[in-house]
Amino acid sequence: MAIKDKQPEQIGTTDKLKAFKALKDAGYRTEFSASGVPTVICKSAEDISKELKDIKKLLKELRYNGSFGLRGPRKSDQLAQETAEAEEKKELTA
């Protein structure tokens, strides 16, 4: 009798997209990292530990057992957000 080696489950792109959409629908700011991993962007670095538990719970409910990321804001994120807010104010006043 031959013993079959169990290979780890492959995480498909569809699973990553479902996880990405679920996180976005839950109100988190999300993006795909360069490696195609759904990444949540926290409002501040102090919030990371608080939100980690909630995100793990959400992904566990989806039965998503792949990788995900969690990071604080970058300076470029803040600049982009400020620019978007300024453009939105211009549209409202115009």
PDB file of N, CA and C in Angstrom:
ATOM      1  N   MET A   1       0.816  -1.175   0.000  1.00  0.00           N
ATOM      2  CA  MET A   1       0.000   0.000   0.000  1.00  0.00           C
ATOM      3  C   MET A   1       0.869   1.251   0.000  1.00  0.00           C
ATOM      4  N   ALA A   2       0.602   2.119  -0.902  1.00  0.00           N
ATOM      5  CA  ALA A   2       1.362   3.356  -0.985  1.00  0.00           C
ATOM      6  C   ALA A   2       0.696   4.428  -0.119  1.00  0.00           C
ATOM      7  N   ILE A   3       1.516   5.184   0.528  1.00  0.00           N
ATOM      8  CA  ILE A   3       1.002   6.280   1.354  1.00  0.00           C
ATOM      9  C   ILE A   3       0.952   7.530   0.481  1.00  0.00           C
ATOM     10  N   LYS A   4      -0.210   8.143   0.448  1.00  0.00           N
ATOM     11  CA  LYS A   4      -0.360   9.361  -0.349  1.00  0.00           C
ATOM     12  C   LYS A   4       0.086  10.559   0.476  1.00  0.00           C
ATOM     13  N   ASP A   5       0.938  11.357  -0.121  1.00  0.00           N
ATOM     14  CA  ASP A   5       1.370  12.585   0.544  1.00  0.00           C
ATOM     15  C   ASP A   5       0.289  13.636   0.370  1.00  0.00           C
ATOM     16  N   LYS A   6      -0.087  14.254   1.461  1.00  0.00           N
ATOM     17  CA  LYS A   6      -1.078  15.325   1.383  1.00  0.00           C
ATOM     18  C   LYS A   6      -0.353  16.624   1.085  1.00  0.00           C
ATOM     19  N   GLN A   7      -0.759  17.268   0.022  1.00  0.00           N
ATOM     20  CA  GLN A   7      -0.181  18.553  -0.325  1.00  0.00           C
ATOM     21  C   GLN A   7      -1.044  19.651   0.276  1.00  0.00           C
ATOM     22  N   PRO A   8      -0.422  20.752   0.653  1.00  0.00           N
ATOM     23  CA  PRO A   8      -1.220  21.841   1.222  1.00  0.00           C
ATOM     24  C   PRO A   8      -2.226  22.358   0.200  1.00  0.00           C
ATOM     25  N   GLU A   9      -3.353  22.774   0.722  1.00  0.00           N
ATOM     26  CA  GLU A   9      -4.406  23.287  -0.150  1.00  0.00           C
ATOM     27  C   GLU A   9      -3.926  24.528  -0.876  1.00  0.00           C
ATOM     28  N   GLN A  10      -4.242  24.585  -2.136  1.00  0.00           N
ATOM     29  CA  GLN A  10      -3.894  25.757  -2.928  1.00  0.00           C
ATOM     30  C   GLN A  10      -4.952  26.828  -2.697  1.00  0.00           C
ATOM     31  N   ILE A  11      -4.512  28.033  -2.466  1.00  0.00           N
ATOM     32  CA  ILE A  11      -5.436  29.151  -2.304  1.00  0.00           C
ATOM     33  C   ILE A  11      -5.608  29.787  -3.670  1.00  0.00           C
ATOM     34  N   GLY A  12      -6.811  29.740  -4.182  1.00  0.00           N
ATOM     35  CA  GLY A  12      -7.082  30.270  -5.511  1.00  0.00           C
ATOM     36  C   GLY A  12      -7.288  31.769  -5.496  1.00  0.00           C
ATOM     37  N   THR A  13      -7.170  32.363  -6.667  1.00  0.00           N
ATOM     38  CA  THR A  13      -7.388  33.798  -6.809  1.00  0.00           C
ATOM     39  C   THR A  13      -8.813  34.160  -6.439  1.00  0.00           C
ATOM     40  N   THR A  14      -9.749  33.276  -6.728  1.00  0.00           N
ATOM     41  CA  THR A  14     -11.146  33.545  -6.400  1.00  0.00           C
ATOM     42  C   THR A  14     -11.326  33.678  -4.898  1.00  0.00           C
ATOM     43  N   ASP A  15     -10.651  32.830  -4.127  1.00  0.00           N
ATOM     44  CA  ASP A  15     -10.734  32.920  -2.669  1.00  0.00           C
ATOM     45  C   ASP A  15     -10.185  34.254  -2.174  1.00  0.00           C
ATOM     46  N   LYS A  16      -9.090  34.691  -2.763  1.00  0.00           N
ATOM     47  CA  LYS A  16      -8.497  35.967  -2.374  1.00  0.00           C
ATOM     48  C   LYS A  16      -9.435  37.118  -2.708  1.00  0.00           C
ATOM     49  N   LEU A  17     -10.080  37.033  -3.864  1.00  0.00           N
ATOM     50  CA  LEU A  17     -11.025  38.083  -4.246  1.00  0.00           C
ATOM     51  C   LEU A  17     -12.235  38.106  -3.318  1.00  0.00           C
ATOM     52  N   LYS A  18     -12.709  36.925  -2.929  1.00  0.00           N
ATOM     53  CA  LYS A  18     -13.834  36.859  -1.987  1.00  0.00           C
ATOM     54  C   LYS A  18     -13.439  37.466  -0.644  1.00  0.00           C
ATOM     55  N   ALA A  19     -12.248  37.157  -0.181  1.00  0.00           N
ATOM     56  CA  ALA A  19     -11.767  37.714   1.084  1.00  0.00           C
ATOM     57  C   ALA A  19     -11.621  39.225   0.968  1.00  0.00           C
ATOM     58  N   PHE A  20     -11.080  39.688  -0.149  1.00  0.00           N
ATOM     59  CA  PHE A  20     -10.912  41.121  -0.394  1.00  0.00           C
ATOM     60  C   PHE A  20     -12.264  41.825  -0.362  1.00  0.00           C
ATOM     61  N   LYS A  21     -13.245  41.256  -1.068  1.00  0.00           N
ATOM     62  CA  LYS A  21     -14.580  41.856  -1.127  1.00  0.00           C
ATOM     63  C   LYS A  21     -15.250  41.847   0.246  1.00  0.00           C
ATOM     64  N   ALA A  22     -15.109  40.759   0.995  1.00  0.00           N
ATOM     65  CA  ALA A  22     -15.713  40.668   2.331  1.00  0.00           C
ATOM     66  C   ALA A  22     -15.115  41.713   3.273  1.00  0.00           C
ATOM     67  N   LEU A  23     -13.803  41.906   3.198  1.00  0.00           N
ATOM     68  CA  LEU A  23     -13.156  42.912   4.037  1.00  0.00           C
ATOM     69  C   LEU A  23     -13.609  44.314   3.656  1.00  0.00           C
ATOM     70  N   LYS A  24     -13.727  44.555   2.359  1.00  0.00           N
ATOM     71  CA  LYS A  24     -14.170  45.863   1.883  1.00  0.00           C
ATOM     72  C   LYS A  24     -15.620  46.119   2.303  1.00  0.00           C
ATOM     73  N   ASP A  25     -16.473  45.095   2.182  1.00  0.00           N
ATOM     74  CA  ASP A  25     -17.877  45.224   2.578  1.00  0.00           C
ATOM     75  C   ASP A  25     -18.024  45.435   4.084  1.00  0.00           C
ATOM     76  N   ALA A  26     -17.073  44.931   4.855  1.00  0.00           N
ATOM     77  CA  ALA A  26     -17.102  45.102   6.307  1.00  0.00           C
ATOM     78  C   ALA A  26     -16.652  46.501   6.723  1.00  0.00           C
ATOM     79  N   GLY A  27     -16.222  47.313   5.759  1.00  0.00           N
ATOM     80  CA  GLY A  27     -15.855  48.689   6.053  1.00  0.00           C
ATOM     81  C   GLY A  27     -14.370  48.941   6.213  1.00  0.00           C
ATOM     82  N   TYR A  28     -13.548  47.961   5.912  1.00  0.00           N
ATOM     83  CA  TYR A  28     -12.100  48.137   6.010  1.00  0.00           C
ATOM     84  C   TYR A  28     -11.559  48.708   4.707  1.00  0.00           C
ATOM     85  N   ARG A  29     -10.514  49.538   4.829  1.00  0.00           N
ATOM     86  CA  ARG A  29      -9.796  50.001   3.638  1.00  0.00           C
ATOM     87  C   ARG A  29      -8.855  48.889   3.230  1.00  0.00           C
ATOM     88  N   THR A  30      -9.032  48.357   2.031  1.00  0.00           N
ATOM     89  CA  THR A  30      -8.238  47.209   1.606  1.00  0.00           C
ATOM     90  C   THR A  30      -7.563  47.468   0.274  1.00  0.00           C
ATOM     91  N   GLU A  31      -6.511  46.701   0.032  1.00  0.00           N
ATOM     92  CA  GLU A  31      -5.790  46.744  -1.231  1.00  0.00           C
ATOM     93  C   GLU A  31      -5.160  45.375  -1.444  1.00  0.00           C
ATOM     94  N   PHE A  32      -4.715  45.132  -2.662  1.00  0.00           N
ATOM     95  CA  PHE A  32      -3.934  43.929  -2.933  1.00  0.00           C
ATOM     96  C   PHE A  32      -2.473  44.319  -2.905  1.00  0.00           C
ATOM     97  N   SER A  33      -1.681  43.586  -2.149  1.00  0.00           N
ATOM     98  CA  SER A  33      -0.247  43.853  -2.135  1.00  0.00           C
ATOM     99  C   SER A  33       0.346  43.365  -3.451  1.00  0.00           C
ATOM    100  N   ALA A  34       1.619  43.597  -3.645  1.00  0.00           N
ATOM    101  CA  ALA A  34       2.281  43.216  -4.894  1.00  0.00           C
ATOM    102  C   ALA A  34       2.211  41.711  -5.146  1.00  0.00           C
ATOM    103  N   SER A  35       2.127  40.928  -4.084  1.00  0.00           N
ATOM    104  CA  SER A  35       2.070  39.476  -4.248  1.00  0.00           C
ATOM    105  C   SER A  35       0.643  38.958  -4.373  1.00  0.00           C
ATOM    106  N   GLY A  36      -0.335  39.840  -4.413  1.00  0.00           N
ATOM    107  CA  GLY A  36      -1.717  39.418  -4.580  1.00  0.00           C
ATOM    108  C   GLY A  36      -2.391  38.987  -3.292  1.00  0.00           C
ATOM    109  N   VAL A  37      -1.917  39.504  -2.173  1.00  0.00           N
ATOM    110  CA  VAL A  37      -2.492  39.173  -0.871  1.00  0.00           C
ATOM    111  C   VAL A  37      -3.405  40.318  -0.442  1.00  0.00           C
ATOM    112  N   PRO A  38      -4.643  40.020  -0.025  1.00  0.00           N
ATOM    113  CA  PRO A  38      -5.509  41.094   0.466  1.00  0.00           C
ATOM    114  C   PRO A  38      -4.904  41.732   1.719  1.00  0.00           C
ATOM    115  N   THR A  39      -4.783  43.047   1.701  1.00  0.00           N
ATOM    116  CA  THR A  39      -4.153  43.774   2.793  1.00  0.00           C
ATOM    117  C   THR A  39      -5.101  44.838   3.319  1.00  0.00           C
ATOM    118  N   VAL A  40      -5.264  44.891   4.618  1.00  0.00           N
ATOM    119  CA  VAL A  40      -6.109  45.889   5.269  1.00  0.00           C
ATOM    120  C   VAL A  40      -5.219  47.034   5.725  1.00  0.00           C
ATOM    121  N   ILE A  41      -5.652  48.264   5.450  1.00  0.00           N
ATOM    122  CA  ILE A  41      -4.911  49.448   5.857  1.00  0.00           C
ATOM    123  C   ILE A  41      -5.627  50.046   7.065  1.00  0.00           C
ATOM    124  N   CYS A  42      -4.972  50.032   8.199  1.00  0.00           N
ATOM    125  CA  CYS A  42      -5.553  50.583   9.423  1.00  0.00           C
ATOM    126  C   CYS A  42      -5.391  52.100   9.435  1.00  0.00           C
ATOM    127  N   LYS A  43      -6.252  52.772  10.185  1.00  0.00           N
ATOM    128  CA  LYS A  43      -6.187  54.230  10.268  1.00  0.00           C
ATOM    129  C   LYS A  43      -4.941  54.697  11.002  1.00  0.00           C
ATOM    130  N   SER A  44      -4.514  53.928  11.998  1.00  0.00           N
ATOM    131  CA  SER A  44      -3.275  54.251  12.703  1.00  0.00           C
ATOM    132  C   SER A  44      -2.591  52.954  13.124  1.00  0.00           C
ATOM    133  N   ALA A  45      -1.327  53.047  13.406  1.00  0.00           N
ATOM    134  CA  ALA A  45      -0.558  51.854  13.770  1.00  0.00           C
ATOM    135  C   ALA A  45      -1.041  51.254  15.089  1.00  0.00           C
ATOM    136  N   GLU A  46      -1.617  52.070  15.958  1.00  0.00           N
ATOM    137  CA  GLU A  46      -2.112  51.581  17.244  1.00  0.00           C
ATOM    138  C   GLU A  46      -3.343  50.691  17.081  1.00  0.00           C
ATOM    139  N   ASP A  47      -4.079  50.853  15.977  1.00  0.00           N
ATOM    140  CA  ASP A  47      -5.307  50.086  15.750  1.00  0.00           C
ATOM    141  C   ASP A  47      -5.048  48.668  15.244  1.00  0.00           C
ATOM    142  N   ILE A  48      -3.836  48.372  14.856  1.00  0.00           N
ATOM    143  CA  ILE A  48      -3.539  47.083  14.221  1.00  0.00           C
ATOM    144  C   ILE A  48      -3.899  45.910  15.128  1.00  0.00           C
ATOM    145  N   SER A  49      -3.467  45.952  16.368  1.00  0.00           N
ATOM    146  CA  SER A  49      -3.737  44.820  17.265  1.00  0.00           C
ATOM    147  C   SER A  49      -5.227  44.672  17.553  1.00  0.00           C
ATOM    148  N   LYS A  50      -5.955  45.781  17.605  1.00  0.00           N
ATOM    149  CA  LYS A  50      -7.395  45.729  17.857  1.00  0.00           C
ATOM    150  C   LYS A  50      -8.135  45.105  16.682  1.00  0.00           C
ATOM    151  N   GLU A  51      -7.772  45.512  15.485  1.00  0.00           N
ATOM    152  CA  GLU A  51      -8.497  45.065  14.301  1.00  0.00           C
ATOM    153  C   GLU A  51      -8.090  43.667  13.851  1.00  0.00           C
ATOM    154  N   LEU A  52      -6.934  43.209  14.267  1.00  0.00           N
ATOM    155  CA  LEU A  52      -6.458  41.889  13.861  1.00  0.00           C
ATOM    156  C   LEU A  52      -7.435  40.789  14.271  1.00  0.00           C
ATOM    157  N   LYS A  53      -7.944  40.857  15.494  1.00  0.00           N
ATOM    158  CA  LYS A  53      -8.884  39.840  15.976  1.00  0.00           C
ATOM    159  C   LYS A  53     -10.160  39.830  15.141  1.00  0.00           C
ATOM    160  N   ASP A  54     -10.683  41.019  14.843  1.00  0.00           N
ATOM    161  CA  ASP A  54     -11.920  41.107  14.058  1.00  0.00           C
ATOM    162  C   ASP A  54     -11.724  40.579  12.648  1.00  0.00           C
ATOM    163  N   ILE A  55     -10.581  40.899  12.059  1.00  0.00           N
ATOM    164  CA  ILE A  55     -10.303  40.461  10.692  1.00  0.00           C
ATOM    165  C   ILE A  55     -10.126  38.946  10.647  1.00  0.00           C
ATOM    166  N   LYS A  56      -9.409  38.398  11.618  1.00  0.00           N
ATOM    167  CA  LYS A  56      -9.240  36.935  11.674  1.00  0.00           C
ATOM    168  C   LYS A  56     -10.589  36.239  11.795  1.00  0.00           C
ATOM    169  N   LYS A  57     -11.462  36.783  12.633  1.00  0.00           N
ATOM    170  CA  LYS A  57     -12.788  36.194  12.832  1.00  0.00           C
ATOM    171  C   LYS A  57     -13.590  36.232  11.535  1.00  0.00           C
ATOM    172  N   LEU A  58     -13.552  37.366  10.845  1.00  0.00           N
ATOM    173  CA  LEU A  58     -14.277  37.521   9.586  1.00  0.00           C
ATOM    174  C   LEU A  58     -13.782  36.533   8.535  1.00  0.00           C
ATOM    175  N   LEU A  59     -12.468  36.405   8.408  1.00  0.00           N
ATOM    176  CA  LEU A  59     -11.904  35.496   7.415  1.00  0.00           C
ATOM    177  C   LEU A  59     -12.133  34.035   7.787  1.00  0.00           C
ATOM    178  N   LYS A  60     -12.176  33.746   9.076  1.00  0.00           N
ATOM    179  CA  LYS A  60     -12.445  32.377   9.518  1.00  0.00           C
ATOM    180  C   LYS A  60     -13.876  31.980   9.157  1.00  0.00           C
ATOM    181  N   GLU A  61     -14.820  32.930   9.269  1.00  0.00           N
ATOM    182  CA  GLU A  61     -16.208  32.667   8.890  1.00  0.00           C
ATOM    183  C   GLU A  61     -16.324  32.353   7.403  1.00  0.00           C
ATOM    184  N   LEU A  62     -15.445  32.952   6.603  1.00  0.00           N
ATOM    185  CA  LEU A  62     -15.427  32.695   5.159  1.00  0.00           C
ATOM    186  C   LEU A  62     -14.691  31.405   4.814  1.00  0.00           C
ATOM    187  N   ARG A  63     -14.076  30.806   5.808  1.00  0.00           N
ATOM    188  CA  ARG A  63     -13.229  29.620   5.622  1.00  0.00           C
ATOM    189  C   ARG A  63     -12.032  29.923   4.719  1.00  0.00           C
ATOM    190  N   TYR A  64     -11.548  31.146   4.830  1.00  0.00           N
ATOM    191  CA  TYR A  64     -10.358  31.568   4.090  1.00  0.00           C
ATOM    192  C   TYR A  64      -9.157  31.290   4.974  1.00  0.00           C
ATOM    193  N   ASN A  65      -8.289  30.400   4.532  1.00  0.00           N
ATOM    194  CA  ASN A  65      -7.110  30.061   5.328  1.00  0.00           C
ATOM    195  C   ASN A  65      -5.818  30.485   4.644  1.00  0.00           C
ATOM    196  N   GLY A  66      -5.911  31.464   3.778  1.00  0.00           N
ATOM    197  CA  GLY A  66      -4.729  31.959   3.087  1.00  0.00           C
ATOM    198  C   GLY A  66      -4.104  33.135   3.815  1.00  0.00           C
ATOM    199  N   SER A  67      -3.129  33.718   3.192  1.00  0.00           N
ATOM    200  CA  SER A  67      -2.426  34.853   3.774  1.00  0.00           C
ATOM    201  C   SER A  67      -3.246  36.127   3.625  1.00  0.00           C
ATOM    202  N   PHE A  68      -3.050  37.033   4.562  1.00  0.00           N
ATOM    203  CA  PHE A  68      -3.613  38.371   4.448  1.00  0.00           C
ATOM    204  C   PHE A  68      -2.654  39.324   5.134  1.00  0.00           C
ATOM    205  N   GLY A  69      -2.768  40.581   4.795  1.00  0.00           N
ATOM    206  CA  GLY A  69      -1.867  41.571   5.356  1.00  0.00           C
ATOM    207  C   GLY A  69      -2.621  42.600   6.177  1.00  0.00           C
ATOM    208  N   LEU A  70      -1.893  43.270   7.028  1.00  0.00           N
ATOM    209  CA  LEU A  70      -2.444  44.307   7.880  1.00  0.00           C
ATOM    210  C   LEU A  70      -1.338  45.319   8.088  1.00  0.00           C
ATOM    211  N   ARG A  71      -1.599  46.570   7.765  1.00  0.00           N
ATOM    212  CA  ARG A  71      -0.543  47.573   7.908  1.00  0.00           C
ATOM    213  C   ARG A  71      -1.130  48.911   8.324  1.00  0.00           C
ATOM    214  N   GLY A  72      -0.252  49.754   8.813  1.00  0.00           N
ATOM    215  CA  GLY A  72      -0.627  51.115   9.155  1.00  0.00           C
ATOM    216  C   GLY A  72      -0.552  51.995   7.924  1.00  0.00           C
ATOM    217  N   PRO A  73      -0.960  53.231   8.051  1.00  0.00           N
ATOM    218  CA  PRO A  73      -0.945  54.128   6.892  1.00  0.00           C
ATOM    219  C   PRO A  73       0.475  54.565   6.519  1.00  0.00           C
ATOM    220  N   ARG A  74       0.662  54.792   5.238  1.00  0.00           N
ATOM    221  CA  ARG A  74       1.923  55.345   4.734  1.00  0.00           C
ATOM    222  C   ARG A  74       1.724  56.837   4.511  1.00  0.00           C
ATOM    223  N   LYS A  75       2.821  57.551   4.373  1.00  0.00           N
ATOM    224  CA  LYS A  75       2.706  58.981   4.080  1.00  0.00           C
ATOM    225  C   LYS A  75       2.015  59.199   2.748  1.00  0.00           C
ATOM    226  N   SER A  76       2.299  58.336   1.773  1.00  0.00           N
ATOM    227  CA  SER A  76       1.674  58.482   0.454  1.00  0.00           C
ATOM    228  C   SER A  76       0.164  58.243   0.533  1.00  0.00           C
ATOM    229  N   ASP A  77      -0.285  57.363   1.437  1.00  0.00           N
ATOM    230  CA  ASP A  77      -1.721  57.142   1.633  1.00  0.00           C
ATOM    231  C   ASP A  77      -2.382  58.411   2.151  1.00  0.00           C
ATOM    232  N   GLN A  78      -1.727  59.066   3.102  1.00  0.00           N
ATOM    233  CA  GLN A  78      -2.287  60.273   3.692  1.00  0.00           C
ATOM    234  C   GLN A  78      -2.353  61.395   2.667  1.00  0.00           C
ATOM    235  N   LEU A  79      -1.331  61.516   1.830  1.00  0.00           N
ATOM    236  CA  LEU A  79      -1.332  62.548   0.801  1.00  0.00           C
ATOM    237  C   LEU A  79      -2.444  62.311  -0.210  1.00  0.00           C
ATOM    238  N   ALA A  80      -2.632  61.071  -0.606  1.00  0.00           N
ATOM    239  CA  ALA A  80      -3.680  60.742  -1.566  1.00  0.00           C
ATOM    240  C   ALA A  80      -5.056  61.015  -0.976  1.00  0.00           C
ATOM    241  N   GLN A  81      -5.230  60.724   0.298  1.00  0.00           N
ATOM    242  CA  GLN A  81      -6.515  60.949   0.952  1.00  0.00           C
ATOM    243  C   GLN A  81      -6.795  62.447   1.068  1.00  0.00           C
ATOM    244  N   GLU A  82      -5.783  63.235   1.417  1.00  0.00           N
ATOM    245  CA  GLU A  82      -5.960  64.679   1.523  1.00  0.00           C
ATOM    246  C   GLU A  82      -6.295  65.281   0.169  1.00  0.00           C
ATOM    247  N   THR A  83      -5.665  64.802  -0.889  1.00  0.00           N
ATOM    248  CA  THR A  83      -5.943  65.286  -2.235  1.00  0.00           C
ATOM    249  C   THR A  83      -7.372  64.952  -2.635  1.00  0.00           C
ATOM    250  N   ALA A  84      -7.822  63.747  -2.338  1.00  0.00           N
ATOM    251  CA  ALA A  84      -9.185  63.332  -2.667  1.00  0.00           C
ATOM    252  C   ALA A  84     -10.206  64.171  -1.904  1.00  0.00           C
ATOM    253  N   GLU A  85      -9.923  64.470  -0.639  1.00  0.00           N
ATOM    254  CA  GLU A  85     -10.835  65.293   0.154  1.00  0.00           C
ATOM    255  C   GLU A  85     -10.901  66.709  -0.402  1.00  0.00           C
ATOM    256  N   ALA A  86      -9.770  67.255  -0.834  1.00  0.00           N
ATOM    257  CA  ALA A  86      -9.749  68.599  -1.400  1.00  0.00           C
ATOM    258  C   ALA A  86     -10.548  68.650  -2.698  1.00  0.00           C
ATOM    259  N   GLU A  87     -10.414  67.621  -3.538  1.00  0.00           N
ATOM    260  CA  GLU A  87     -11.172  67.571  -4.787  1.00  0.00           C
ATOM    261  C   GLU A  87     -12.669  67.439  -4.513  1.00  0.00           C
ATOM    262  N   GLU A  88     -13.020  66.688  -3.495  1.00  0.00           N
ATOM    263  CA  GLU A  88     -14.431  66.507  -3.143  1.00  0.00           C
ATOM    264  C   GLU A  88     -15.033  67.829  -2.673  1.00  0.00           C
ATOM    265  N   LYS A  89     -14.273  68.605  -1.904  1.00  0.00           N
ATOM    266  CA  LYS A  89     -14.754  69.908  -1.441  1.00  0.00           C
ATOM    267  C   LYS A  89     -14.960  70.853  -2.619  1.00  0.00           C
ATOM    268  N   LYS A  90     -14.049  70.799  -3.605  1.00  0.00           N
ATOM    269  CA  LYS A  90     -14.181  71.645  -4.792  1.00  0.00           C
ATOM    270  C   LYS A  90     -15.446  71.301  -5.559  1.00  0.00           C
ATOM    271  N   GLU A  91     -15.749  69.994  -5.672  1.00  0.00           N
ATOM    272  CA  GLU A  91     -16.948  69.558  -6.390  1.00  0.00           C
ATOM    273  C   GLU A  91     -18.212  70.007  -5.671  1.00  0.00           C
ATOM    274  N   LEU A  92     -18.197  69.994  -4.352  1.00  0.00           N
ATOM    275  CA  LEU A  92     -19.371  70.398  -3.586  1.00  0.00           C
ATOM    276  C   LEU A  92     -19.621  71.898  -3.682  1.00  0.00           C
ATOM    277  N   THR A  93     -18.551  72.690  -3.751  1.00  0.00           N
ATOM    278  CA  THR A  93     -18.706  74.140  -3.831  1.00  0.00           C
ATOM    279  C   THR A  93     -18.978  74.615  -5.246  1.00  0.00           C
ATOM    280  N   ALA A  94     -18.656  73.811  -6.232  1.00  0.00           N
ATOM    281  CA  ALA A  94     -18.844  74.219  -7.634  1.00  0.00           C
ATOM    282  C   ALA A  94     -20.273  74.037  -8.088  1.00  0.00           C
TER     283      ALA A  94
END
